[in-house]
Amino acid sequence: MTTEPDRAQVLKMIEGGQITADDGLRLLNATSKPGRPADWSNRWLRLRITDLSTQRAKVSLSLPMTWVALGLKIGSHYHPDLAQIDVNEIMAEIEHGSEGRIAEVENLEEDERIEIYVD
């Protein structure tokens, strides 16, 4: 939760031209989310792959976000598609409390649904 002195500091930074109004709003919103985890390294990425025909889980995997961050950073150096993803932006969203489903894809060729969650 954002304290009054924190809000005042953000407003002073906007007034002094150190940050834009949009950046200030993002800072205020990111720090005012109730129940926001103090440390994103205690967060988990959950991957679930479900067979569409039977609705049974084919894969259920949980990874600590520290591993995910490391894997994305290393992978972005070796795989061109990952290099186009802003890993820091994704990790910042998670750090600021984003949670729940972040992706859901249905692969009809393989008859499966892929879901990715953060909690």
PDB file of N, CA and C in Angstrom:
ATOM      1  N   MET A   1       0.837  -1.175   0.000  1.00  0.00           N
ATOM      2  CA  MET A   1       0.000   0.000   0.000  1.00  0.00           C
ATOM      3  C   MET A   1       0.882   1.237   0.000  1.00  0.00           C
ATOM      4  N   THR A   2       0.526   2.219  -0.795  1.00  0.00           N
ATOM      5  CA  THR A   2       1.300   3.447  -0.885  1.00  0.00           C
ATOM      6  C   THR A   2       1.004   4.337   0.316  1.00  0.00           C
ATOM      7  N   THR A   3       2.046   4.861   0.946  1.00  0.00           N
ATOM      8  CA  THR A   3       1.862   5.784   2.059  1.00  0.00           C
ATOM      9  C   THR A   3       1.763   7.202   1.524  1.00  0.00           C
ATOM     10  N   GLU A   4       1.268   8.114   2.346  1.00  0.00           N
ATOM     11  CA  GLU A   4       1.161   9.516   1.943  1.00  0.00           C
ATOM     12  C   GLU A   4       2.516  10.107   1.543  1.00  0.00           C
ATOM     13  N   PRO A   5       3.594   9.865   2.338  1.00  0.00           N
ATOM     14  CA  PRO A   5       4.896  10.400   1.908  1.00  0.00           C
ATOM     15  C   PRO A   5       5.352   9.848   0.543  1.00  0.00           C
ATOM     16  N   ASP A   6       5.039   8.571   0.253  1.00  0.00           N
ATOM     17  CA  ASP A   6       5.391   7.997  -1.051  1.00  0.00           C
ATOM     18  C   ASP A   6       4.646   8.712  -2.172  1.00  0.00           C
ATOM     19  N   ARG A   7       3.358   8.944  -1.980  1.00  0.00           N
ATOM     20  CA  ARG A   7       2.560   9.647  -2.991  1.00  0.00           C
ATOM     21  C   ARG A   7       3.102  11.058  -3.204  1.00  0.00           C
ATOM     22  N   ALA A   8       3.398  11.721  -2.101  1.00  0.00           N
ATOM     23  CA  ALA A   8       3.922  13.092  -2.201  1.00  0.00           C
ATOM     24  C   ALA A   8       5.238  13.114  -2.966  1.00  0.00           C
ATOM     25  N   GLN A   9       6.096  12.115  -2.732  1.00  0.00           N
ATOM     26  CA  GLN A   9       7.382  12.043  -3.433  1.00  0.00           C
ATOM     27  C   GLN A   9       7.172  11.864  -4.934  1.00  0.00           C
ATOM     28  N   VAL A  10       6.239  11.011  -5.313  1.00  0.00           N
ATOM     29  CA  VAL A  10       5.945  10.801  -6.738  1.00  0.00           C
ATOM     30  C   VAL A  10       5.436  12.102  -7.358  1.00  0.00           C
ATOM     31  N   LEU A  11       4.536  12.794  -6.654  1.00  0.00           N
ATOM     32  CA  LEU A  11       4.010  14.059  -7.170  1.00  0.00           C
ATOM     33  C   LEU A  11       5.106  15.107  -7.308  1.00  0.00           C
ATOM     34  N   LYS A  12       6.038  15.147  -6.363  1.00  0.00           N
ATOM     35  CA  LYS A  12       7.161  16.081  -6.448  1.00  0.00           C
ATOM     36  C   LYS A  12       8.060  15.749  -7.644  1.00  0.00           C
ATOM     37  N   MET A  13       8.239  14.463  -7.922  1.00  0.00           N
ATOM     38  CA  MET A  13       9.051  14.047  -9.070  1.00  0.00           C
ATOM     39  C   MET A  13       8.393  14.486 -10.378  1.00  0.00           C
ATOM     40  N   ILE A  14       7.055  14.399 -10.433  1.00  0.00           N
ATOM     41  CA  ILE A  14       6.330  14.853 -11.627  1.00  0.00           C
ATOM     42  C   ILE A  14       6.477  16.369 -11.757  1.00  0.00           C
ATOM     43  N   GLU A  15       6.251  17.063 -10.649  1.00  0.00           N
ATOM     44  CA  GLU A  15       6.335  18.521 -10.648  1.00  0.00           C
ATOM     45  C   GLU A  15       7.721  19.014 -11.056  1.00  0.00           C
ATOM     46  N   GLY A  16       8.760  18.308 -10.599  1.00  0.00           N
ATOM     47  CA  GLY A  16      10.128  18.692 -10.913  1.00  0.00           C
ATOM     48  C   GLY A  16      10.593  18.257 -12.289  1.00  0.00           C
ATOM     49  N   GLY A  17       9.722  17.554 -13.024  1.00  0.00           N
ATOM     50  CA  GLY A  17      10.075  17.128 -14.369  1.00  0.00           C
ATOM     51  C   GLY A  17      10.993  15.916 -14.406  1.00  0.00           C
ATOM     52  N   GLN A  18      11.167  15.229 -13.273  1.00  0.00           N
ATOM     53  CA  GLN A  18      12.029  14.044 -13.234  1.00  0.00           C
ATOM     54  C   GLN A  18      11.366  12.847 -13.915  1.00  0.00           C
ATOM     55  N   ILE A  19      10.031  12.779 -13.815  1.00  0.00           N
ATOM     56  CA  ILE A  19       9.273  11.703 -14.477  1.00  0.00           C
ATOM     57  C   ILE A  19       8.041  12.333 -15.115  1.00  0.00           C
ATOM     58  N   THR A  20       7.458  11.633 -16.079  1.00  0.00           N
ATOM     59  CA  THR A  20       6.238  12.119 -16.734  1.00  0.00           C
ATOM     60  C   THR A  20       5.031  11.801 -15.856  1.00  0.00           C
ATOM     61  N   ALA A  21       3.915  12.423 -16.153  1.00  0.00           N
ATOM     62  CA  ALA A  21       2.678  12.152 -15.424  1.00  0.00           C
ATOM     63  C   ALA A  21       2.271  10.684 -15.598  1.00  0.00           C
ATOM     64  N   ASP A  22       2.458  10.137 -16.812  1.00  0.00           N
ATOM     65  CA  ASP A  22       2.132   8.721 -17.057  1.00  0.00           C
ATOM     66  C   ASP A  22       2.981   7.802 -16.189  1.00  0.00           C
ATOM     67  N   ASP A  23       4.290   8.104 -16.108  1.00  0.00           N
ATOM     68  CA  ASP A  23       5.177   7.296 -15.265  1.00  0.00           C
ATOM     69  C   ASP A  23       4.764   7.398 -13.802  1.00  0.00           C
ATOM     70  N   GLY A  24       4.384   8.601 -13.373  1.00  0.00           N
ATOM     71  CA  GLY A  24       3.939   8.788 -11.991  1.00  0.00           C
ATOM     72  C   GLY A  24       2.688   7.985 -11.697  1.00  0.00           C
ATOM     73  N   LEU A  25       1.752   7.985 -12.642  1.00  0.00           N
ATOM     74  CA  LEU A  25       0.530   7.207 -12.460  1.00  0.00           C
ATOM     75  C   LEU A  25       0.842   5.723 -12.361  1.00  0.00           C
ATOM     76  N   ARG A  26       1.756   5.239 -13.220  1.00  0.00           N
ATOM     77  CA  ARG A  26       2.151   3.830 -13.165  1.00  0.00           C
ATOM     78  C   ARG A  26       2.779   3.492 -11.812  1.00  0.00           C
ATOM     79  N   LEU A  27       3.622   4.379 -11.311  1.00  0.00           N
ATOM     80  CA  LEU A  27       4.245   4.148 -10.004  1.00  0.00           C
ATOM     81  C   LEU A  27       3.196   4.080  -8.903  1.00  0.00           C
ATOM     82  N   LEU A  28       2.270   5.019  -8.911  1.00  0.00           N
ATOM     83  CA  LEU A  28       1.225   5.034  -7.884  1.00  0.00           C
ATOM     84  C   LEU A  28       0.344   3.790  -7.964  1.00  0.00           C
ATOM     85  N   ASN A  29      -0.036   3.412  -9.179  1.00  0.00           N
ATOM     86  CA  ASN A  29      -0.870   2.215  -9.340  1.00  0.00           C
ATOM     87  C   ASN A  29      -0.129   0.951  -8.934  1.00  0.00           C
ATOM     88  N   ALA A  30       1.126   0.854  -9.283  1.00  0.00           N
ATOM     89  CA  ALA A  30       1.903  -0.350  -8.985  1.00  0.00           C
ATOM     90  C   ALA A  30       2.114  -0.519  -7.488  1.00  0.00           C
ATOM     91  N   THR A  31       2.272   0.563  -6.776  1.00  0.00           N
ATOM     92  CA  THR A  31       2.562   0.454  -5.350  1.00  0.00           C
ATOM     93  C   THR A  31       1.319   0.499  -4.487  1.00  0.00           C
ATOM     94  N   SER A  32       0.140   0.708  -5.086  1.00  0.00           N
ATOM     95  CA  SER A  32      -1.061   0.798  -4.272  1.00  0.00           C
ATOM     96  C   SER A  32      -1.938  -0.441  -4.347  1.00  0.00           C
ATOM     97  N   LYS A  33      -1.480  -1.476  -4.993  1.00  0.00           N
ATOM     98  CA  LYS A  33      -2.273  -2.700  -5.092  1.00  0.00           C
ATOM     99  C   LYS A  33      -2.274  -3.410  -3.746  1.00  0.00           C
ATOM    100  N   PRO A  34      -3.458  -3.682  -3.187  1.00  0.00           N
ATOM    101  CA  PRO A  34      -3.498  -4.375  -1.907  1.00  0.00           C
ATOM    102  C   PRO A  34      -2.991  -5.801  -2.043  1.00  0.00           C
ATOM    103  N   GLY A  35      -2.308  -6.263  -1.039  1.00  0.00           N
ATOM    104  CA  GLY A  35      -1.809  -7.638  -1.025  1.00  0.00           C
ATOM    105  C   GLY A  35      -0.649  -7.874  -1.970  1.00  0.00           C
ATOM    106  N   ARG A  36      -0.039  -6.809  -2.437  1.00  0.00           N
ATOM    107  CA  ARG A  36       1.085  -6.934  -3.374  1.00  0.00           C
ATOM    108  C   ARG A  36       2.251  -7.631  -2.698  1.00  0.00           C
ATOM    109  N   PRO A  37       2.790  -8.657  -3.312  1.00  0.00           N
ATOM    110  CA  PRO A  37       3.936  -9.333  -2.719  1.00  0.00           C
ATOM    111  C   PRO A  37       5.139  -8.403  -2.629  1.00  0.00           C
ATOM    112  N   ALA A  38       5.883  -8.511  -1.565  1.00  0.00           N
ATOM    113  CA  ALA A  38       7.048  -7.657  -1.367  1.00  0.00           C
ATOM    114  C   ALA A  38       8.195  -8.077  -2.278  1.00  0.00           C
ATOM    115  N   ASP A  39       8.256  -9.341  -2.647  1.00  0.00           N
ATOM    116  CA  ASP A  39       9.392  -9.855  -3.394  1.00  0.00           C
ATOM    117  C   ASP A  39       8.893 -10.829  -4.454  1.00  0.00           C
ATOM    118  N   TRP A  40       9.099 -10.496  -5.749  1.00  0.00           N
ATOM    119  CA  TRP A  40       8.573 -11.354  -6.817  1.00  0.00           C
ATOM    120  C   TRP A  40       9.246 -12.711  -6.844  1.00  0.00           C
ATOM    121  N   SER A  41      10.372 -12.862  -6.191  1.00  0.00           N
ATOM    122  CA  SER A  41      11.043 -14.161  -6.209  1.00  0.00           C
ATOM    123  C   SER A  41      10.251 -15.216  -5.443  1.00  0.00           C
ATOM    124  N   ASN A  42       9.253 -14.792  -4.680  1.00  0.00           N
ATOM    125  CA  ASN A  42       8.383 -15.737  -3.984  1.00  0.00           C
ATOM    126  C   ASN A  42       7.156 -16.094  -4.817  1.00  0.00           C
ATOM    127  N   ARG A  43       7.134 -15.687  -6.066  1.00  0.00           N
ATOM    128  CA  ARG A  43       6.007 -15.948  -6.960  1.00  0.00           C
ATOM    129  C   ARG A  43       6.304 -17.192  -7.801  1.00  0.00           C
ATOM    130  N   TRP A  44       5.259 -17.780  -8.348  1.00  0.00           N
ATOM    131  CA  TRP A  44       5.378 -19.009  -9.138  1.00  0.00           C
ATOM    132  C   TRP A  44       4.712 -18.851 -10.491  1.00  0.00           C
ATOM    133  N   LEU A  45       5.291 -19.480 -11.493  1.00  0.00           N
ATOM    134  CA  LEU A  45       4.699 -19.588 -12.809  1.00  0.00           C
ATOM    135  C   LEU A  45       4.129 -20.997 -12.918  1.00  0.00           C
ATOM    136  N   ARG A  46       2.867 -21.090 -13.291  1.00  0.00           N
ATOM    137  CA  ARG A  46       2.200 -22.387 -13.430  1.00  0.00           C
ATOM    138  C   ARG A  46       1.858 -22.608 -14.896  1.00  0.00           C
ATOM    139  N   LEU A  47       2.209 -23.777 -15.394  1.00  0.00           N
ATOM    140  CA  LEU A  47       1.931 -24.159 -16.776  1.00  0.00           C
ATOM    141  C   LEU A  47       1.042 -25.389 -16.742  1.00  0.00           C
ATOM    142  N   ARG A  48      -0.068 -25.322 -17.475  1.00  0.00           N
ATOM    143  CA  ARG A  48      -0.980 -26.463 -17.538  1.00  0.00           C
ATOM    144  C   ARG A  48      -1.311 -26.736 -18.994  1.00  0.00           C
ATOM    145  N   ILE A  49      -1.110 -27.971 -19.426  1.00  0.00           N
ATOM    146  CA  ILE A  49      -1.491 -28.389 -20.776  1.00  0.00           C
ATOM    147  C   ILE A  49      -2.581 -29.435 -20.617  1.00  0.00           C
ATOM    148  N   THR A  50      -3.728 -29.159 -21.247  1.00  0.00           N
ATOM    149  CA  THR A  50      -4.893 -30.020 -21.101  1.00  0.00           C
ATOM    150  C   THR A  50      -5.269 -30.619 -22.445  1.00  0.00           C
ATOM    151  N   ASP A  51      -5.599 -31.909 -22.456  1.00  0.00           N
ATOM    152  CA  ASP A  51      -6.108 -32.581 -23.646  1.00  0.00           C
ATOM    153  C   ASP A  51      -7.535 -32.084 -23.871  1.00  0.00           C
ATOM    154  N   LEU A  52      -7.816 -31.493 -25.031  1.00  0.00           N
ATOM    155  CA  LEU A  52      -9.138 -30.935 -25.295  1.00  0.00           C
ATOM    156  C   LEU A  52     -10.226 -32.003 -25.386  1.00  0.00           C
ATOM    157  N   SER A  53      -9.883 -33.177 -25.861  1.00  0.00           N
ATOM    158  CA  SER A  53     -10.883 -34.242 -26.012  1.00  0.00           C
ATOM    159  C   SER A  53     -11.331 -34.801 -24.672  1.00  0.00           C
ATOM    160  N   THR A  54     -10.370 -35.075 -23.803  1.00  0.00           N
ATOM    161  CA  THR A  54     -10.688 -35.708 -22.521  1.00  0.00           C
ATOM    162  C   THR A  54     -10.764 -34.728 -21.353  1.00  0.00           C
ATOM    163  N   GLN A  55     -10.291 -33.491 -21.562  1.00  0.00           N
ATOM    164  CA  GLN A  55     -10.209 -32.476 -20.503  1.00  0.00           C
ATOM    165  C   GLN A  55      -9.295 -32.893 -19.349  1.00  0.00           C
ATOM    166  N   ARG A  56      -8.420 -33.858 -19.610  1.00  0.00           N
ATOM    167  CA  ARG A  56      -7.458 -34.302 -18.594  1.00  0.00           C
ATOM    168  C   ARG A  56      -6.148 -33.557 -18.773  1.00  0.00           C
ATOM    169  N   ALA A  57      -5.501 -33.285 -17.649  1.00  0.00           N
ATOM    170  CA  ALA A  57      -4.222 -32.577 -17.679  1.00  0.00           C
ATOM    171  C   ALA A  57      -3.145 -33.489 -18.246  1.00  0.00           C
ATOM    172  N   LYS A  58      -2.431 -33.000 -19.251  1.00  0.00           N
ATOM    173  CA  LYS A  58      -1.291 -33.720 -19.801  1.00  0.00           C
ATOM    174  C   LYS A  58      -0.018 -33.302 -19.071  1.00  0.00           C
ATOM    175  N   VAL A  59       0.060 -32.010 -18.729  1.00  0.00           N
ATOM    176  CA  VAL A  59       1.222 -31.460 -18.037  1.00  0.00           C
ATOM    177  C   VAL A  59       0.730 -30.455 -17.006  1.00  0.00           C
ATOM    178  N   SER A  60       1.299 -30.518 -15.826  1.00  0.00           N
ATOM    179  CA  SER A  60       1.045 -29.520 -14.793  1.00  0.00           C
ATOM    180  C   SER A  60       2.394 -29.231 -14.146  1.00  0.00           C
ATOM    181  N   LEU A  61       2.885 -28.021 -14.362  1.00  0.00           N
ATOM    182  CA  LEU A  61       4.243 -27.685 -13.951  1.00  0.00           C
ATOM    183  C   LEU A  61       4.239 -26.361 -13.198  1.00  0.00           C
ATOM    184  N   SER A  62       4.987 -26.303 -12.101  1.00  0.00           N
ATOM    185  CA  SER A  62       5.145 -25.066 -11.330  1.00  0.00           C
ATOM    186  C   SER A  62       6.624 -24.743 -11.234  1.00  0.00           C
ATOM    187  N   LEU A  63       6.964 -23.493 -11.582  1.00  0.00           N
ATOM    188  CA  LEU A  63       8.359 -23.054 -11.530  1.00  0.00           C
ATOM    189  C   LEU A  63       8.466 -21.766 -10.731  1.00  0.00           C
ATOM    190  N   PRO A  64       9.492 -21.644  -9.887  1.00  0.00           N
ATOM    191  CA  PRO A  64       9.694 -20.365  -9.199  1.00  0.00           C
ATOM    192  C   PRO A  64      10.068 -19.289 -10.216  1.00  0.00           C
ATOM    193  N   MET A  65       9.577 -18.081 -10.002  1.00  0.00           N
ATOM    194  CA  MET A  65       9.820 -16.993 -10.954  1.00  0.00           C
ATOM    195  C   MET A  65      11.305 -16.695 -11.116  1.00  0.00           C
ATOM    196  N   THR A  66      12.115 -16.966 -10.108  1.00  0.00           N
ATOM    197  CA  THR A  66      13.556 -16.738 -10.255  1.00  0.00           C
ATOM    198  C   THR A  66      14.112 -17.597 -11.383  1.00  0.00           C
ATOM    199  N   TRP A  67      13.629 -18.829 -11.501  1.00  0.00           N
ATOM    200  CA  TRP A  67      14.074 -19.714 -12.579  1.00  0.00           C
ATOM    201  C   TRP A  67      13.558 -19.216 -13.924  1.00  0.00           C
ATOM    202  N   VAL A  68      12.313 -18.756 -13.935  1.00  0.00           N
ATOM    203  CA  VAL A  68      11.716 -18.267 -15.176  1.00  0.00           C
ATOM    204  C   VAL A  68      12.493 -17.052 -15.684  1.00  0.00           C
ATOM    205  N   ALA A  69      12.790 -16.127 -14.776  1.00  0.00           N
ATOM    206  CA  ALA A  69      13.537 -14.920 -15.155  1.00  0.00           C
ATOM    207  C   ALA A  69      14.894 -15.287 -15.741  1.00  0.00           C
ATOM    208  N   LEU A  70      15.590 -16.179 -15.081  1.00  0.00           N
ATOM    209  CA  LEU A  70      16.898 -16.607 -15.547  1.00  0.00           C
ATOM    210  C   LEU A  70      16.787 -17.294 -16.913  1.00  0.00           C
ATOM    211  N   GLY A  71      15.813 -18.183 -17.060  1.00  0.00           N
ATOM    212  CA  GLY A  71      15.624 -18.896 -18.324  1.00  0.00           C
ATOM    213  C   GLY A  71      15.289 -17.965 -19.474  1.00  0.00           C
ATOM    214  N   LEU A  72      14.427 -16.971 -19.221  1.00  0.00           N
ATOM    215  CA  LEU A  72      14.075 -16.018 -20.275  1.00  0.00           C
ATOM    216  C   LEU A  72      15.272 -15.170 -20.687  1.00  0.00           C
ATOM    217  N   LYS A  73      16.045 -14.750 -19.708  1.00  0.00           N
ATOM    218  CA  LYS A  73      17.212 -13.925 -20.024  1.00  0.00           C
ATOM    219  C   LYS A  73      18.251 -14.720 -20.818  1.00  0.00           C
ATOM    220  N   ILE A  74      18.507 -15.941 -20.406  1.00  0.00           N
ATOM    221  CA  ILE A  74      19.472 -16.778 -21.132  1.00  0.00           C
ATOM    222  C   ILE A  74      18.924 -17.142 -22.511  1.00  0.00           C
ATOM    223  N   GLY A  75      17.659 -17.542 -22.555  1.00  0.00           N
ATOM    224  CA  GLY A  75      17.042 -17.948 -23.808  1.00  0.00           C
ATOM    225  C   GLY A  75      16.988 -16.836 -24.835  1.00  0.00           C
ATOM    226  N   SER A  76      16.820 -15.585 -24.376  1.00  0.00           N
ATOM    227  CA  SER A  76      16.726 -14.475 -25.316  1.00  0.00           C
ATOM    228  C   SER A  76      18.033 -14.253 -26.073  1.00  0.00           C
ATOM    229  N   HIS A  77      19.145 -14.757 -25.547  1.00  0.00           N
ATOM    230  CA  HIS A  77      20.425 -14.632 -26.247  1.00  0.00           C
ATOM    231  C   HIS A  77      20.584 -15.688 -27.348  1.00  0.00           C
ATOM    232  N   TYR A  78      19.811 -16.766 -27.258  1.00  0.00           N
ATOM    233  CA  TYR A  78      19.992 -17.883 -28.183  1.00  0.00           C
ATOM    234  C   TYR A  78      18.827 -18.110 -29.139  1.00  0.00           C
ATOM    235  N   HIS A  79      17.664 -17.582 -28.827  1.00  0.00           N
ATOM    236  CA  HIS A  79      16.506 -17.838 -29.670  1.00  0.00           C
ATOM    237  C   HIS A  79      15.952 -16.510 -30.181  1.00  0.00           C
ATOM    238  N   PRO A  80      15.864 -16.316 -31.493  1.00  0.00           N
ATOM    239  CA  PRO A  80      15.444 -15.026 -32.057  1.00  0.00           C
ATOM    240  C   PRO A  80      14.053 -14.581 -31.608  1.00  0.00           C
ATOM    241  N   ASP A  81      13.113 -15.519 -31.437  1.00  0.00           N
ATOM    242  CA  ASP A  81      11.766 -15.129 -31.005  1.00  0.00           C
ATOM    243  C   ASP A  81      11.777 -14.588 -29.582  1.00  0.00           C
ATOM    244  N   LEU A  82      12.566 -15.180 -28.713  1.00  0.00           N
ATOM    245  CA  LEU A  82      12.654 -14.694 -27.339  1.00  0.00           C
ATOM    246  C   LEU A  82      13.360 -13.345 -27.265  1.00  0.00           C
ATOM    247  N   ALA A  83      14.245 -13.085 -28.195  1.00  0.00           N
ATOM    248  CA  ALA A  83      14.974 -11.813 -28.197  1.00  0.00           C
ATOM    249  C   ALA A  83      14.021 -10.643 -28.435  1.00  0.00           C
ATOM    250  N   GLN A  84      12.873 -10.898 -29.058  1.00  0.00           N
ATOM    251  CA  GLN A  84      11.902  -9.848 -29.334  1.00  0.00           C
ATOM    252  C   GLN A  84      11.010  -9.549 -28.126  1.00  0.00           C
ATOM    253  N   ILE A  85      11.065 -10.377 -27.093  1.00  0.00           N
ATOM    254  CA  ILE A  85      10.254 -10.190 -25.896  1.00  0.00           C
ATOM    255  C   ILE A  85      11.027  -9.351 -24.892  1.00  0.00           C
ATOM    256  N   ASP A  86      10.368  -8.333 -24.332  1.00  0.00           N
ATOM    257  CA  ASP A  86      11.001  -7.507 -23.309  1.00  0.00           C
ATOM    258  C   ASP A  86      10.843  -8.214 -21.962  1.00  0.00           C
ATOM    259  N   VAL A  87      11.838  -9.017 -21.609  1.00  0.00           N
ATOM    260  CA  VAL A  87      11.813  -9.810 -20.381  1.00  0.00           C
ATOM    261  C   VAL A  87      11.686  -8.905 -19.165  1.00  0.00           C
ATOM    262  N   ASN A  88      12.375  -7.782 -19.172  1.00  0.00           N
ATOM    263  CA  ASN A  88      12.315  -6.873 -18.020  1.00  0.00           C
ATOM    264  C   ASN A  88      10.909  -6.327 -17.815  1.00  0.00           C
ATOM    265  N   GLU A  89      10.196  -6.060 -18.903  1.00  0.00           N
ATOM    266  CA  GLU A  89       8.820  -5.564 -18.790  1.00  0.00           C
ATOM    267  C   GLU A  89       7.913  -6.628 -18.179  1.00  0.00           C
ATOM    268  N   ILE A  90       8.057  -7.864 -18.614  1.00  0.00           N
ATOM    269  CA  ILE A  90       7.260  -8.961 -18.064  1.00  0.00           C
ATOM    270  C   ILE A  90       7.547  -9.128 -16.581  1.00  0.00           C
ATOM    271  N   MET A  91       8.832  -9.135 -16.219  1.00  0.00           N
ATOM    272  CA  MET A  91       9.202  -9.330 -14.822  1.00  0.00           C
ATOM    273  C   MET A  91       8.740  -8.143 -13.968  1.00  0.00           C
ATOM    274  N   ALA A  92       8.752  -6.935 -14.522  1.00  0.00           N
ATOM    275  CA  ALA A  92       8.282  -5.757 -13.779  1.00  0.00           C
ATOM    276  C   ALA A  92       6.787  -5.880 -13.504  1.00  0.00           C
ATOM    277  N   GLU A  93       6.016  -6.357 -14.483  1.00  0.00           N
ATOM    278  CA  GLU A  93       4.582  -6.555 -14.273  1.00  0.00           C
ATOM    279  C   GLU A  93       4.336  -7.556 -13.147  1.00  0.00           C
ATOM    280  N   ILE A  94       5.083  -8.633 -13.142  1.00  0.00           N
ATOM    281  CA  ILE A  94       4.930  -9.650 -12.104  1.00  0.00           C
ATOM    282  C   ILE A  94       5.343  -9.078 -10.758  1.00  0.00           C
ATOM    283  N   GLU A  95       6.444  -8.341 -10.749  1.00  0.00           N
ATOM    284  CA  GLU A  95       6.933  -7.736  -9.509  1.00  0.00           C
ATOM    285  C   GLU A  95       5.905  -6.777  -8.927  1.00  0.00           C
ATOM    286  N   HIS A  96       5.162  -6.099  -9.776  1.00  0.00           N
ATOM    287  CA  HIS A  96       4.189  -5.121  -9.307  1.00  0.00           C
ATOM    288  C   HIS A  96       2.822  -5.729  -9.048  1.00  0.00           C
ATOM    289  N   GLY A  97       2.757  -7.037  -8.964  1.00  0.00           N
ATOM    290  CA  GLY A  97       1.541  -7.679  -8.497  1.00  0.00           C
ATOM    291  C   GLY A  97       0.661  -8.320  -9.534  1.00  0.00           C
ATOM    292  N   SER A  98       1.036  -8.310 -10.809  1.00  0.00           N
ATOM    293  CA  SER A  98       0.215  -8.986 -11.814  1.00  0.00           C
ATOM    294  C   SER A  98       0.130 -10.464 -11.457  1.00  0.00           C
ATOM    295  N   GLU A  99      -1.063 -10.991 -11.540  1.00  0.00           N
ATOM    296  CA  GLU A  99      -1.228 -12.411 -11.261  1.00  0.00           C
ATOM    297  C   GLU A  99      -2.419 -12.940 -12.031  1.00  0.00           C
ATOM    298  N   GLY A 100      -2.610 -14.243 -11.947  1.00  0.00           N
ATOM    299  CA  GLY A 100      -3.686 -14.880 -12.692  1.00  0.00           C
ATOM    300  C   GLY A 100      -3.187 -15.363 -14.044  1.00  0.00           C
ATOM    301  N   ARG A 101      -4.119 -15.627 -14.935  1.00  0.00           N
ATOM    302  CA  ARG A 101      -3.774 -16.151 -16.256  1.00  0.00           C
ATOM    303  C   ARG A 101      -3.099 -15.068 -17.084  1.00  0.00           C
ATOM    304  N   ILE A 102      -1.946 -15.405 -17.634  1.00  0.00           N
ATOM    305  CA  ILE A 102      -1.255 -14.458 -18.506  1.00  0.00           C
ATOM    306  C   ILE A 102      -1.284 -14.909 -19.961  1.00  0.00           C
ATOM    307  N   ALA A 103      -1.635 -16.180 -20.193  1.00  0.00           N
ATOM    308  CA  ALA A 103      -1.739 -16.666 -21.578  1.00  0.00           C
ATOM    309  C   ALA A 103      -2.585 -17.926 -21.614  1.00  0.00           C
ATOM    310  N   GLU A 104      -3.340 -18.058 -22.698  1.00  0.00           N
ATOM    311  CA  GLU A 104      -4.097 -19.285 -22.968  1.00  0.00           C
ATOM    312  C   GLU A 104      -4.124 -19.472 -24.471  1.00  0.00           C
ATOM    313  N   VAL A 105      -3.680 -20.645 -24.922  1.00  0.00           N
ATOM    314  CA  VAL A 105      -3.606 -20.938 -26.348  1.00  0.00           C
ATOM    315  C   VAL A 105      -4.191 -22.324 -26.577  1.00  0.00           C
ATOM    316  N   GLU A 106      -4.991 -22.451 -27.625  1.00  0.00           N
ATOM    317  CA  GLU A 106      -5.493 -23.770 -28.022  1.00  0.00           C
ATOM    318  C   GLU A 106      -4.764 -24.198 -29.274  1.00  0.00           C
ATOM    319  N   ASN A 107      -4.121 -25.343 -29.198  1.00  0.00           N
ATOM    320  CA  ASN A 107      -3.408 -25.920 -30.330  1.00  0.00           C
ATOM    321  C   ASN A 107      -4.294 -27.044 -30.868  1.00  0.00           C
ATOM    322  N   LEU A 108      -5.090 -26.729 -31.885  1.00  0.00           N
ATOM    323  CA  LEU A 108      -6.039 -27.709 -32.410  1.00  0.00           C
ATOM    324  C   LEU A 108      -5.359 -28.858 -33.127  1.00  0.00           C
ATOM    325  N   GLU A 109      -4.176 -28.628 -33.686  1.00  0.00           N
ATOM    326  CA  GLU A 109      -3.442 -29.708 -34.344  1.00  0.00           C
ATOM    327  C   GLU A 109      -3.045 -30.786 -33.348  1.00  0.00           C
ATOM    328  N   GLU A 110      -2.680 -30.381 -32.149  1.00  0.00           N
ATOM    329  CA  GLU A 110      -2.283 -31.336 -31.106  1.00  0.00           C
ATOM    330  C   GLU A 110      -3.434 -31.642 -30.149  1.00  0.00           C
ATOM    331  N   ASP A 111      -4.595 -30.997 -30.364  1.00  0.00           N
ATOM    332  CA  ASP A 111      -5.779 -31.185 -29.537  1.00  0.00           C
ATOM    333  C   ASP A 111      -5.482 -30.900 -28.057  1.00  0.00           C
ATOM    334  N   GLU A 112      -4.887 -29.701 -27.818  1.00  0.00           N
ATOM    335  CA  GLU A 112      -4.555 -29.356 -26.451  1.00  0.00           C
ATOM    336  C   GLU A 112      -4.705 -27.859 -26.175  1.00  0.00           C
ATOM    337  N   ARG A 113      -4.923 -27.540 -24.922  1.00  0.00           N
ATOM    338  CA  ARG A 113      -4.983 -26.159 -24.463  1.00  0.00           C
ATOM    339  C   ARG A 113      -3.781 -25.927 -23.548  1.00  0.00           C
ATOM    340  N   ILE A 114      -3.111 -24.793 -23.757  1.00  0.00           N
ATOM    341  CA  ILE A 114      -1.948 -24.430 -22.939  1.00  0.00           C
ATOM    342  C   ILE A 114      -2.329 -23.179 -22.160  1.00  0.00           C
ATOM    343  N   GLU A 115      -2.194 -23.259 -20.830  1.00  0.00           N
ATOM    344  CA  GLU A 115      -2.512 -22.123 -19.957  1.00  0.00           C
ATOM    345  C   GLU A 115      -1.290 -21.805 -19.101  1.00  0.00           C
ATOM    346  N   ILE A 116      -1.033 -20.503 -18.963  1.00  0.00           N
ATOM    347  CA  ILE A 116       0.080 -20.044 -18.132  1.00  0.00           C
ATOM    348  C   ILE A 116      -0.464 -19.060 -17.109  1.00  0.00           C
ATOM    349  N   TYR A 117      -0.166 -19.325 -15.836  1.00  0.00           N
ATOM    350  CA  TYR A 117      -0.641 -18.497 -14.730  1.00  0.00           C
ATOM    351  C   TYR A 117       0.550 -18.023 -13.900  1.00  0.00           C
ATOM    352  N   VAL A 118       0.346 -16.914 -13.195  1.00  0.00           N
ATOM    353  CA  VAL A 118       1.303 -16.446 -12.209  1.00  0.00           C
ATOM    354  C   VAL A 118       0.568 -16.302 -10.888  1.00  0.00           C
ATOM    355  N   ASP A 119       1.174 -16.829  -9.830  1.00  0.00           N
ATOM    356  CA  ASP A 119       0.614 -16.596  -8.490  1.00  0.00           C
ATOM    357  C   ASP A 119       1.709 -16.556  -7.462  1.00  0.00           C
TER     358      ASP A 119
END
